[in-house]
Amino acid sequence: MTEIHFIVEQAPEGGYVARAIGADIFTESENIEGLHAQVRDAVHCHFDPEQMPRLIRLHITREEVLVA
């Protein structure tokens, strides 16, 4: 595997949650900088060194509600 993708969303209670696509990895943090560290740590814990992806891609989504 050369890369792994995460969907990042703002948590309703604050902070951010990240879920990997195609792997059972989930992590969360209060801020984006902390989330970067948490995602890296989770990926390193999940994969053996020879299977470690070279790139981690974060797809950050944000929901906005507008009143018509």
N, C-alpha and C. Protein backbone atom coordinates (compact mmCIF):
# COMPACT_ATOMS: atom_id res chain seq x y z
N MET A 1 0.85 -1.17 0.00
CA MET A 1 0.00 0.00 0.00
C MET A 1 0.90 1.23 0.00
N THR A 2 0.66 2.12 -0.93
CA THR A 2 1.49 3.32 -1.00
C THR A 2 0.87 4.51 -0.27
N GLU A 3 -0.46 4.51 -0.14
CA GLU A 3 -1.09 5.59 0.62
C GLU A 3 -2.37 5.11 1.27
N ILE A 4 -2.78 5.85 2.29
CA ILE A 4 -4.02 5.58 2.99
C ILE A 4 -4.80 6.88 3.08
N HIS A 5 -6.12 6.79 2.97
CA HIS A 5 -6.97 7.96 2.98
C HIS A 5 -7.85 7.97 4.23
N PHE A 6 -8.03 9.15 4.79
CA PHE A 6 -8.91 9.35 5.94
C PHE A 6 -9.95 10.40 5.60
N ILE A 7 -11.17 10.19 6.08
CA ILE A 7 -12.22 11.21 6.04
C ILE A 7 -12.20 11.88 7.41
N VAL A 8 -12.05 13.19 7.41
CA VAL A 8 -11.99 13.96 8.66
C VAL A 8 -13.24 14.84 8.74
N GLU A 9 -13.91 14.78 9.88
CA GLU A 9 -15.10 15.60 10.10
C GLU A 9 -15.00 16.30 11.44
N GLN A 10 -15.68 17.43 11.55
CA GLN A 10 -15.78 18.10 12.83
C GLN A 10 -16.75 17.31 13.69
N ALA A 11 -16.37 17.05 14.93
CA ALA A 11 -17.23 16.31 15.85
C ALA A 11 -18.29 17.24 16.42
N PRO A 12 -19.51 16.76 16.62
CA PRO A 12 -20.58 17.60 17.16
C PRO A 12 -20.23 18.22 18.51
N GLU A 13 -19.48 17.51 19.32
CA GLU A 13 -19.11 17.99 20.65
C GLU A 13 -17.82 18.81 20.63
N GLY A 14 -17.25 19.01 19.46
CA GLY A 14 -16.01 19.78 19.30
C GLY A 14 -14.87 18.88 18.90
N GLY A 15 -13.88 19.46 18.30
CA GLY A 15 -12.72 18.69 17.84
C GLY A 15 -12.99 18.03 16.50
N TYR A 16 -12.17 17.03 16.19
CA TYR A 16 -12.23 16.36 14.89
C TYR A 16 -12.13 14.85 15.07
N VAL A 17 -12.77 14.13 14.15
CA VAL A 17 -12.65 12.67 14.10
C VAL A 17 -12.16 12.28 12.71
N ALA A 18 -11.36 11.23 12.65
CA ALA A 18 -10.80 10.75 11.38
C ALA A 18 -11.04 9.25 11.28
N ARG A 19 -11.57 8.84 10.12
CA ARG A 19 -11.82 7.43 9.85
C ARG A 19 -11.09 7.04 8.57
N ALA A 20 -10.34 5.96 8.63
CA ALA A 20 -9.63 5.48 7.45
C ALA A 20 -10.59 4.82 6.48
N ILE A 21 -10.29 4.92 5.21
CA ILE A 21 -11.05 4.23 4.17
C ILE A 21 -10.30 2.94 3.85
N GLY A 22 -10.95 1.82 4.02
CA GLY A 22 -10.35 0.53 3.69
C GLY A 22 -9.50 -0.07 4.79
N ALA A 23 -9.50 0.54 5.96
CA ALA A 23 -8.77 -0.01 7.11
C ALA A 23 -9.56 0.35 8.37
N ASP A 24 -9.47 -0.47 9.38
CA ASP A 24 -10.19 -0.22 10.63
C ASP A 24 -9.38 0.69 11.54
N ILE A 25 -9.28 1.95 11.15
CA ILE A 25 -8.54 2.93 11.95
C ILE A 25 -9.45 4.12 12.20
N PHE A 26 -9.56 4.51 13.45
CA PHE A 26 -10.37 5.65 13.87
C PHE A 26 -9.59 6.40 14.95
N THR A 27 -9.58 7.72 14.86
CA THR A 27 -8.93 8.50 15.90
C THR A 27 -9.59 9.87 15.98
N GLU A 28 -9.30 10.61 17.03
CA GLU A 28 -9.89 11.92 17.22
C GLU A 28 -8.94 12.83 17.98
N SER A 29 -9.20 14.13 17.88
CA SER A 29 -8.37 15.12 18.57
C SER A 29 -9.16 16.42 18.70
N GLU A 30 -8.71 17.27 19.60
CA GLU A 30 -9.36 18.56 19.82
C GLU A 30 -9.04 19.57 18.72
N ASN A 31 -7.91 19.39 18.01
CA ASN A 31 -7.53 20.35 16.97
C ASN A 31 -6.84 19.62 15.82
N ILE A 32 -6.67 20.32 14.71
CA ILE A 32 -6.09 19.70 13.50
C ILE A 32 -4.65 19.28 13.74
N GLU A 33 -3.87 20.10 14.41
CA GLU A 33 -2.46 19.75 14.66
C GLU A 33 -2.36 18.46 15.47
N GLY A 34 -3.20 18.34 16.48
CA GLY A 34 -3.23 17.11 17.28
C GLY A 34 -3.72 15.93 16.48
N LEU A 35 -4.67 16.18 15.58
CA LEU A 35 -5.18 15.09 14.75
C LEU A 35 -4.09 14.55 13.83
N HIS A 36 -3.25 15.42 13.30
CA HIS A 36 -2.13 14.95 12.46
C HIS A 36 -1.28 13.94 13.23
N ALA A 37 -0.95 14.27 14.47
CA ALA A 37 -0.13 13.38 15.30
C ALA A 37 -0.88 12.09 15.61
N GLN A 38 -2.17 12.19 15.93
CA GLN A 38 -2.96 11.01 16.25
C GLN A 38 -3.09 10.08 15.05
N VAL A 39 -3.31 10.64 13.86
CA VAL A 39 -3.43 9.82 12.65
C VAL A 39 -2.12 9.10 12.37
N ARG A 40 -1.02 9.83 12.44
CA ARG A 40 0.29 9.18 12.20
C ARG A 40 0.51 8.03 13.19
N ASP A 41 0.23 8.28 14.46
CA ASP A 41 0.42 7.25 15.48
C ASP A 41 -0.48 6.05 15.21
N ALA A 42 -1.74 6.29 14.86
CA ALA A 42 -2.67 5.19 14.59
C ALA A 42 -2.22 4.35 13.39
N VAL A 43 -1.73 5.01 12.35
CA VAL A 43 -1.25 4.28 11.17
C VAL A 43 -0.03 3.45 11.53
N HIS A 44 0.90 4.01 12.31
CA HIS A 44 2.09 3.26 12.71
C HIS A 44 1.74 2.07 13.59
N CYS A 45 0.70 2.19 14.41
CA CYS A 45 0.28 1.08 15.26
C CYS A 45 -0.45 0.00 14.46
N HIS A 46 -1.14 0.39 13.41
CA HIS A 46 -1.98 -0.54 12.65
C HIS A 46 -1.19 -1.40 11.67
N PHE A 47 -0.14 -0.85 11.07
CA PHE A 47 0.59 -1.55 10.02
C PHE A 47 1.96 -2.02 10.49
N ASP A 48 2.38 -3.17 9.95
CA ASP A 48 3.75 -3.62 10.13
C ASP A 48 4.65 -2.72 9.29
N PRO A 49 5.93 -2.58 9.66
CA PRO A 49 6.81 -1.68 8.91
C PRO A 49 6.87 -1.94 7.41
N GLU A 50 6.84 -3.20 7.00
CA GLU A 50 6.93 -3.50 5.57
C GLU A 50 5.62 -3.20 4.82
N GLN A 51 4.51 -3.00 5.54
CA GLN A 51 3.23 -2.69 4.92
C GLN A 51 2.84 -1.22 5.10
N MET A 52 3.67 -0.44 5.75
CA MET A 52 3.37 0.95 6.08
C MET A 52 3.16 1.79 4.82
N PRO A 53 2.02 2.49 4.72
CA PRO A 53 1.82 3.39 3.57
C PRO A 53 2.82 4.54 3.61
N ARG A 54 3.23 5.01 2.44
CA ARG A 54 4.18 6.12 2.37
C ARG A 54 3.50 7.46 2.60
N LEU A 55 2.23 7.56 2.16
CA LEU A 55 1.49 8.81 2.28
C LEU A 55 0.21 8.61 3.07
N ILE A 56 -0.17 9.63 3.84
CA ILE A 56 -1.45 9.67 4.53
C ILE A 56 -2.20 10.88 3.98
N ARG A 57 -3.36 10.65 3.40
CA ARG A 57 -4.16 11.75 2.85
C ARG A 57 -5.37 11.98 3.75
N LEU A 58 -5.58 13.24 4.12
CA LEU A 58 -6.73 13.62 4.93
C LEU A 58 -7.70 14.40 4.07
N HIS A 59 -8.92 13.92 3.97
CA HIS A 59 -9.99 14.60 3.24
C HIS A 59 -10.87 15.26 4.31
N ILE A 60 -10.70 16.55 4.49
CA ILE A 60 -11.39 17.27 5.57
C ILE A 60 -12.71 17.81 5.04
N THR A 61 -13.80 17.38 5.69
CA THR A 61 -15.13 17.83 5.29
C THR A 61 -15.69 18.74 6.37
N ARG A 62 -16.56 19.63 5.95
CA ARG A 62 -17.20 20.53 6.90
C ARG A 62 -18.64 20.75 6.46
N GLU A 63 -19.54 20.64 7.39
CA GLU A 63 -20.95 20.84 7.08
C GLU A 63 -21.35 22.26 7.48
N GLU A 64 -22.05 22.92 6.59
CA GLU A 64 -22.58 24.25 6.89
C GLU A 64 -24.08 24.23 6.62
N VAL A 65 -24.82 24.90 7.47
CA VAL A 65 -26.27 25.00 7.31
C VAL A 65 -26.60 26.47 7.06
N LEU A 66 -27.36 26.72 6.00
CA LEU A 66 -27.80 28.05 5.66
C LEU A 66 -29.31 28.16 5.79
N VAL A 67 -29.78 29.27 6.25
CA VAL A 67 -31.21 29.53 6.29
C VAL A 67 -31.61 30.21 4.99
N ALA A 68 -32.66 29.68 4.33
CA ALA A 68 -33.08 30.22 3.03
C ALA A 68 -33.75 31.56 3.17
